[in-house]
C-alpha atoms as a PDB file:
ATOM      1  CA  UNK A   1     150.038  33.575  40.043  1.00  0.00           C
ATOM      2  CA  UNK A   2     147.853  35.654  41.793  1.00  0.00           C
ATOM      3  CA  UNK A   3     145.024  33.631  43.790  1.00  0.00           C
ATOM      4  CA  UNK A   4     141.192  34.882  43.117  1.00  0.00           C
ATOM      5  CA  UNK A   5     138.325  35.772  45.848  1.00  0.00           C
ATOM      6  CA  UNK A   6     137.573  32.183  45.404  1.00  0.00           C
ATOM      7  CA  UNK A   7     140.592  30.514  45.683  1.00  0.00           C
ATOM      8  CA  UNK A   8     141.644  29.879  41.807  1.00  0.00           C
ATOM      9  CA  UNK A   9     145.034  30.856  40.340  1.00  0.00           C
ATOM     10  CA  UNK A  10     144.916  33.237  37.243  1.00  0.00           C
ATOM     11  CA  UNK A  11     147.330  33.817  35.196  1.00  0.00           C
ATOM     12  CA  UNK A  12     149.034  37.341  33.465  1.00  0.00           C
ATOM     13  CA  UNK A  13     147.060  38.232  30.339  1.00  0.00           C
ATOM     14  CA  UNK A  14     150.497  37.318  28.109  1.00  0.00           C
ATOM     15  CA  UNK A  15     150.187  34.193  28.921  1.00  0.00           C
ATOM     16  CA  UNK A  16     146.184  34.139  28.195  1.00  0.00           C
ATOM     17  CA  UNK A  17     146.543  35.705  24.862  1.00  0.00           C
ATOM     18  CA  UNK A  18     149.430  34.051  23.902  1.00  0.00           C
ATOM     19  CA  UNK A  19     147.269  30.473  24.049  1.00  0.00           C
ATOM     20  CA  UNK A  20     144.202  32.510  22.283  1.00  0.00           C
ATOM     21  CA  UNK A  21     147.182  33.239  19.334  1.00  0.00           C
ATOM     22  CA  UNK A  22     147.863  29.689  19.348  1.00  0.00           C
ATOM     23  CA  UNK A  23     144.351  28.708  18.975  1.00  0.00           C
ATOM     24  CA  UNK A  24     143.436  30.630  16.295  1.00  0.00           C
ATOM     25  CA  UNK A  25     146.374  30.502  14.615  1.00  0.00           C
ATOM     26  CA  UNK A  26     145.195  25.838  14.635  1.00  0.00           C
ATOM     27  CA  UNK A  27     141.763  26.540  13.887  1.00  0.00           C
ATOM     28  CA  UNK A  28     142.732  29.144  10.513  1.00  0.00           C
ATOM     29  CA  UNK A  29     145.011  25.900   9.295  1.00  0.00           C
ATOM     30  CA  UNK A  30     142.491  23.466  10.471  1.00  0.00           C
ATOM     31  CA  UNK A  31     140.014  25.464   8.162  1.00  0.00           C
ATOM     32  CA  UNK A  32     142.359  26.305   5.230  1.00  0.00           C
ATOM     33  CA  UNK A  33     143.111  22.024   5.203  1.00  0.00           C
ATOM     34  CA  UNK A  34     139.060  21.393   5.382  1.00  0.00           C
ATOM     35  CA  UNK A  35     138.610  24.129   2.588  1.00  0.00           C
ATOM     36  CA  UNK A  36     141.340  22.294   0.271  1.00  0.00           C
ATOM     37  CA  UNK A  37     139.872  18.137   0.305  1.00  0.00           C
ATOM     38  CA  UNK A  38     136.224  18.966  -0.431  1.00  0.00           C
ATOM     39  CA  UNK A  39     133.898  16.141   1.433  1.00  0.00           C
ATOM     40  CA  UNK A  40     131.805  14.420  -1.219  1.00  0.00           C
ATOM     41  CA  UNK A  41     129.150  11.554  -0.522  1.00  0.00           C
ATOM     42  CA  UNK A  42     128.173   9.164  -2.099  1.00  0.00           C
ATOM     43  CA  UNK A  43     124.679   7.296  -2.686  1.00  0.00           C
ATOM     44  CA  UNK A  44     123.621   3.804  -2.309  1.00  0.00           C
ATOM     45  CA  UNK A  45     120.119   2.957  -2.455  1.00  0.00           C
ATOM     46  CA  UNK A  46     116.928   1.269  -3.371  1.00  0.00           C
ATOM     47  CA  UNK A  47     118.073   2.618  -7.045  1.00  0.00           C
ATOM     48  CA  UNK A  48     121.477   1.227  -7.264  1.00  0.00           C
ATOM     49  CA  UNK A  49     119.875  -2.591  -6.366  1.00  0.00           C
ATOM     50  CA  UNK A  50     119.747  -1.877  -1.946  1.00  0.00           C
ATOM     51  CA  UNK A  51     117.037  -4.622  -1.063  1.00  0.00           C
ATOM     52  CA  UNK A  52     115.499  -1.436   1.625  1.00  0.00           C
ATOM     53  CA  UNK A  53     115.969   1.831   2.539  1.00  0.00           C
ATOM     54  CA  UNK A  54     116.643   0.934   6.516  1.00  0.00           C
ATOM     55  CA  UNK A  55     120.632  -0.231   6.935  1.00  0.00           C
ATOM     56  CA  UNK A  56     121.020  -1.465  10.244  1.00  0.00           C
ATOM     57  CA  UNK A  57     124.523  -2.829  10.484  1.00  0.00           C
ATOM     58  CA  UNK A  58     127.475  -2.648   7.540  1.00  0.00           C
ATOM     59  CA  UNK A  59     130.600  -4.572   6.873  1.00  0.00           C
ATOM     60  CA  UNK A  60     133.418  -4.218   5.101  1.00  0.00           C
ATOM     61  CA  UNK A  61     135.301  -7.889   4.589  1.00  0.00           C
ATOM     62  CA  UNK A  62     138.545  -8.705   4.361  1.00  0.00           C
ATOM     63  CA  UNK A  63     137.834  -9.082  -0.031  1.00  0.00           C
ATOM     64  CA  UNK A  64     136.549  -5.534   0.164  1.00  0.00           C
ATOM     65  CA  UNK A  65     133.227  -5.898  -0.184  1.00  0.00           C
ATOM     66  CA  UNK A  66     130.234  -3.766   1.608  1.00  0.00           C
ATOM     67  CA  UNK A  67     127.877  -5.948   3.628  1.00  0.00           C
ATOM     68  CA  UNK A  68     124.306  -4.198   4.812  1.00  0.00           C
ATOM     69  CA  UNK A  69     122.067  -5.949   6.906  1.00  0.00           C
ATOM     70  CA  UNK A  70     118.616  -4.444   6.491  1.00  0.00           C
ATOM     71  CA  UNK A  71     115.093  -5.309   6.992  1.00  0.00           C
ATOM     72  CA  UNK A  72     114.771  -6.617   3.465  1.00  0.00           C
ATOM     73  CA  UNK A  73     117.645  -9.060   3.707  1.00  0.00           C
ATOM     74  CA  UNK A  74     121.029  -8.743   3.537  1.00  0.00           C
ATOM     75  CA  UNK A  75     123.367  -6.955   0.662  1.00  0.00           C
ATOM     76  CA  UNK A  76     126.646  -7.764  -0.962  1.00  0.00           C
ATOM     77  CA  UNK A  77     128.295  -4.604  -2.981  1.00  0.00           C
ATOM     78  CA  UNK A  78     131.080  -4.923  -4.745  1.00  0.00           C
ATOM     79  CA  UNK A  79     131.470  -1.289  -6.043  1.00  0.00           C
ATOM     80  CA  UNK A  80     128.982  -1.648  -9.537  1.00  0.00           C
ATOM     81  CA  UNK A  81     126.002  -3.941  -8.314  1.00  0.00           C
ATOM     82  CA  UNK A  82     124.032  -5.358  -4.945  1.00  0.00           C
ATOM     83  CA  UNK A  83     123.505  -9.292  -4.830  1.00  0.00           C
ATOM     84  CA  UNK A  84     120.798  -9.569  -2.233  1.00  0.00           C
ATOM     85  CA  UNK A  85     120.046 -12.461  -0.151  1.00  0.00           C
ATOM     86  CA  UNK A  86     116.920 -13.080   1.499  1.00  0.00           C
ATOM     87  CA  UNK A  87     114.676 -15.816   3.390  1.00  0.00           C
ATOM     88  CA  UNK A  88     113.418 -18.204   0.928  1.00  0.00           C
ATOM     89  CA  UNK A  89     111.170 -20.879   3.431  1.00  0.00           C
ATOM     90  CA  UNK A  90     111.970 -24.065   0.705  1.00  0.00           C
ATOM     91  CA  UNK A  91     115.737 -23.592   1.027  1.00  0.00           C
ATOM     92  CA  UNK A  92     117.228 -23.752   3.890  1.00  0.00           C
ATOM     93  CA  UNK A  93     120.582 -22.640   3.499  1.00  0.00           C
ATOM     94  CA  UNK A  94     118.897 -19.470   2.209  1.00  0.00           C
ATOM     95  CA  UNK A  95     118.844 -15.928   5.200  1.00  0.00           C
ATOM     96  CA  UNK A  96     116.651 -17.473   8.231  1.00  0.00           C
ATOM     97  CA  UNK A  97     115.393 -14.658   8.031  1.00  0.00           C
ATOM     98  CA  UNK A  98     115.640 -10.944   5.873  1.00  0.00           C
ATOM     99  CA  UNK A  99     115.405  -9.153   8.935  1.00  0.00           C
ATOM    100  CA  UNK A 100     118.899  -8.662  10.287  1.00  0.00           C
ATOM    101  CA  UNK A 101     120.957  -6.963  12.447  1.00  0.00           C
ATOM    102  CA  UNK A 102     124.752  -7.554  12.819  1.00  0.00           C
ATOM    103  CA  UNK A 103     127.360  -8.708  11.003  1.00  0.00           C
ATOM    104  CA  UNK A 104     130.870 -10.061  11.513  1.00  0.00           C
ATOM    105  CA  UNK A 105     133.454 -12.068   9.606  1.00  0.00           C
ATOM    106  CA  UNK A 106     135.574 -15.047  11.448  1.00  0.00           C
ATOM    107  CA  UNK A 107     139.389 -16.024  10.338  1.00  0.00           C
ATOM    108  CA  UNK A 108     137.968 -17.569   7.127  1.00  0.00           C
ATOM    109  CA  UNK A 109     136.364 -15.077   5.800  1.00  0.00           C
ATOM    110  CA  UNK A 110     132.319 -16.314   6.450  1.00  0.00           C
ATOM    111  CA  UNK A 111     130.316 -14.187   7.220  1.00  0.00           C
ATOM    112  CA  UNK A 112     128.558 -14.256  10.522  1.00  0.00           C
ATOM    113  CA  UNK A 113     124.465 -13.138  10.363  1.00  0.00           C
ATOM    114  CA  UNK A 114     122.648 -11.506  12.977  1.00  0.00           C
ATOM    115  CA  UNK A 115     118.549 -11.912  12.509  1.00  0.00           C
ATOM    116  CA  UNK A 116     115.790 -10.413  14.029  1.00  0.00           C
ATOM    117  CA  UNK A 117     113.233 -13.992  14.321  1.00  0.00           C
ATOM    118  CA  UNK A 118     116.260 -16.362  12.358  1.00  0.00           C
ATOM    119  CA  UNK A 119     118.929 -16.866  15.669  1.00  0.00           C
ATOM    120  CA  UNK A 120     122.301 -16.805  14.006  1.00  0.00           C
ATOM    121  CA  UNK A 121     123.687 -17.872  10.461  1.00  0.00           C
ATOM    122  CA  UNK A 122     127.163 -18.352   9.081  1.00  0.00           C
ATOM    123  CA  UNK A 123     127.740 -17.367   5.337  1.00  0.00           C
ATOM    124  CA  UNK A 124     129.969 -20.145   3.527  1.00  0.00           C
ATOM    125  CA  UNK A 125     132.139 -18.160   1.573  1.00  0.00           C
ATOM    126  CA  UNK A 126     133.565 -21.278  -0.558  1.00  0.00           C
ATOM    127  CA  UNK A 127     129.881 -22.450  -1.156  1.00  0.00           C
ATOM    128  CA  UNK A 128     128.178 -19.173  -1.351  1.00  0.00           C
ATOM    129  CA  UNK A 129     125.508 -20.710   1.609  1.00  0.00           C
ATOM    130  CA  UNK A 130     124.163 -20.264   4.725  1.00  0.00           C
ATOM    131  CA  UNK A 131     124.258 -23.043   8.071  1.00  0.00           C
ATOM    132  CA  UNK A 132     121.611 -21.760   9.872  1.00  0.00           C
ATOM    133  CA  UNK A 133     122.494 -22.433  14.138  1.00  0.00           C
ATOM    134  CA  UNK A 134     118.473 -22.483  15.357  1.00  0.00           C
ATOM    135  CA  UNK A 135     117.953 -21.288  18.702  1.00  0.00           C
ATOM    136  CA  UNK A 136     117.997 -23.541  21.653  1.00  0.00           C
ATOM    137  CA  UNK A 137     116.327 -21.749  24.537  1.00  0.00           C
ATOM    138  CA  UNK A 138     118.753 -23.290  27.418  1.00  0.00           C
ATOM    139  CA  UNK A 139     121.991 -22.038  25.110  1.00  0.00           C
ATOM    140  CA  UNK A 140     123.752 -25.078  24.733  1.00  0.00           C
ATOM    141  CA  UNK A 141     123.105 -26.254  21.416  1.00  0.00           C
ATOM    142  CA  UNK A 142     122.503 -22.778  19.390  1.00  0.00           C
ATOM    143  CA  UNK A 143     121.541 -18.810  21.357  1.00  0.00           C
ATOM    144  CA  UNK A 144     119.334 -18.829  23.547  1.00  0.00           C
ATOM    145  CA  UNK A 145     116.592 -16.544  21.321  1.00  0.00           C
ATOM    146  CA  UNK A 146     116.532 -15.489  18.121  1.00  0.00           C
ATOM    147  CA  UNK A 147     116.011 -11.852  18.243  1.00  0.00           C
ATOM    148  CA  UNK A 148     119.642 -11.034  17.707  1.00  0.00           C
ATOM    149  CA  UNK A 149     121.286  -7.520  17.692  1.00  0.00           C
ATOM    150  CA  UNK A 150     125.112  -8.027  17.384  1.00  0.00           C
ATOM    151  CA  UNK A 151     127.317 -10.663  16.540  1.00  0.00           C
ATOM    152  CA  UNK A 152     131.127 -10.022  17.289  1.00  0.00           C
ATOM    153  CA  UNK A 153     133.967 -13.035  16.372  1.00  0.00           C
ATOM    154  CA  UNK A 154     136.786 -12.568  19.151  1.00  0.00           C
ATOM    155  CA  UNK A 155     140.749 -12.733  18.578  1.00  0.00           C
ATOM    156  CA  UNK A 156     140.439 -16.638  19.368  1.00  0.00           C
ATOM    157  CA  UNK A 157     136.921 -17.448  16.674  1.00  0.00           C
ATOM    158  CA  UNK A 158     134.889 -18.070  19.340  1.00  0.00           C
ATOM    159  CA  UNK A 159     131.068 -16.067  17.904  1.00  0.00           C
ATOM    160  CA  UNK A 160     129.142 -14.307  20.492  1.00  0.00           C
ATOM    161  CA  UNK A 161     125.911 -13.184  19.824  1.00  0.00           C
ATOM    162  CA  UNK A 162     123.781 -10.369  22.030  1.00  0.00           C
ATOM    163  CA  UNK A 163     120.563 -10.837  22.096  1.00  0.00           C
ATOM    164  CA  UNK A 164     116.977  -8.723  22.621  1.00  0.00           C
ATOM    165  CA  UNK A 165     115.766 -10.747  25.239  1.00  0.00           C
ATOM    166  CA  UNK A 166     118.553 -13.757  26.589  1.00  0.00           C
ATOM    167  CA  UNK A 167     121.756 -11.777  27.506  1.00  0.00           C
ATOM    168  CA  UNK A 168     124.982 -13.341  25.426  1.00  0.00           C
ATOM    169  CA  UNK A 169     125.195 -16.527  23.607  1.00  0.00           C
ATOM    170  CA  UNK A 170     129.010 -17.468  23.520  1.00  0.00           C
ATOM    171  CA  UNK A 171     129.938 -19.685  20.604  1.00  0.00           C
ATOM    172  CA  UNK A 172     133.110 -21.916  20.016  1.00  0.00           C
ATOM    173  CA  UNK A 173     132.561 -23.364  16.526  1.00  0.00           C
ATOM    174  CA  UNK A 174     134.894 -25.388  16.679  1.00  0.00           C
ATOM    175  CA  UNK A 175     133.397 -27.532  18.657  1.00  0.00           C
END
């Protein structure tokens, strides 16, 4: 190998030509493969029953349903039709807020829903209704804020909630 004036090692032209040939061959092969498999997007919109066109969260659950959190409710898609869950001020078992930011599924198949202004809710799969976890500014009995942005269920079953203005809250549903 030669050393340039800058102290860098230079390889012979033969090595560079071989590398460029291999790179060109790989590029051509990947282009041919991609050309053989056309990419096709399908669209799900309000025309097909989605409650609103701004989707904030997407989750595929353990039964294959697709869930979409929007600014106008929680949507469940079974591949054919959309079921919309919304807040009903007269029903304490409804979604606490229509603005859904985050979704997570626990081992039981229940969904945890992070909402804007309504805090945290768990959708009970067996009863097809929501259990609300009201805001507790001290963070002991519920999330410290109702302005939730994300939710995650960890491998131990604990529910982690990220807020807009109060950090993280952790809930152990077993306690």
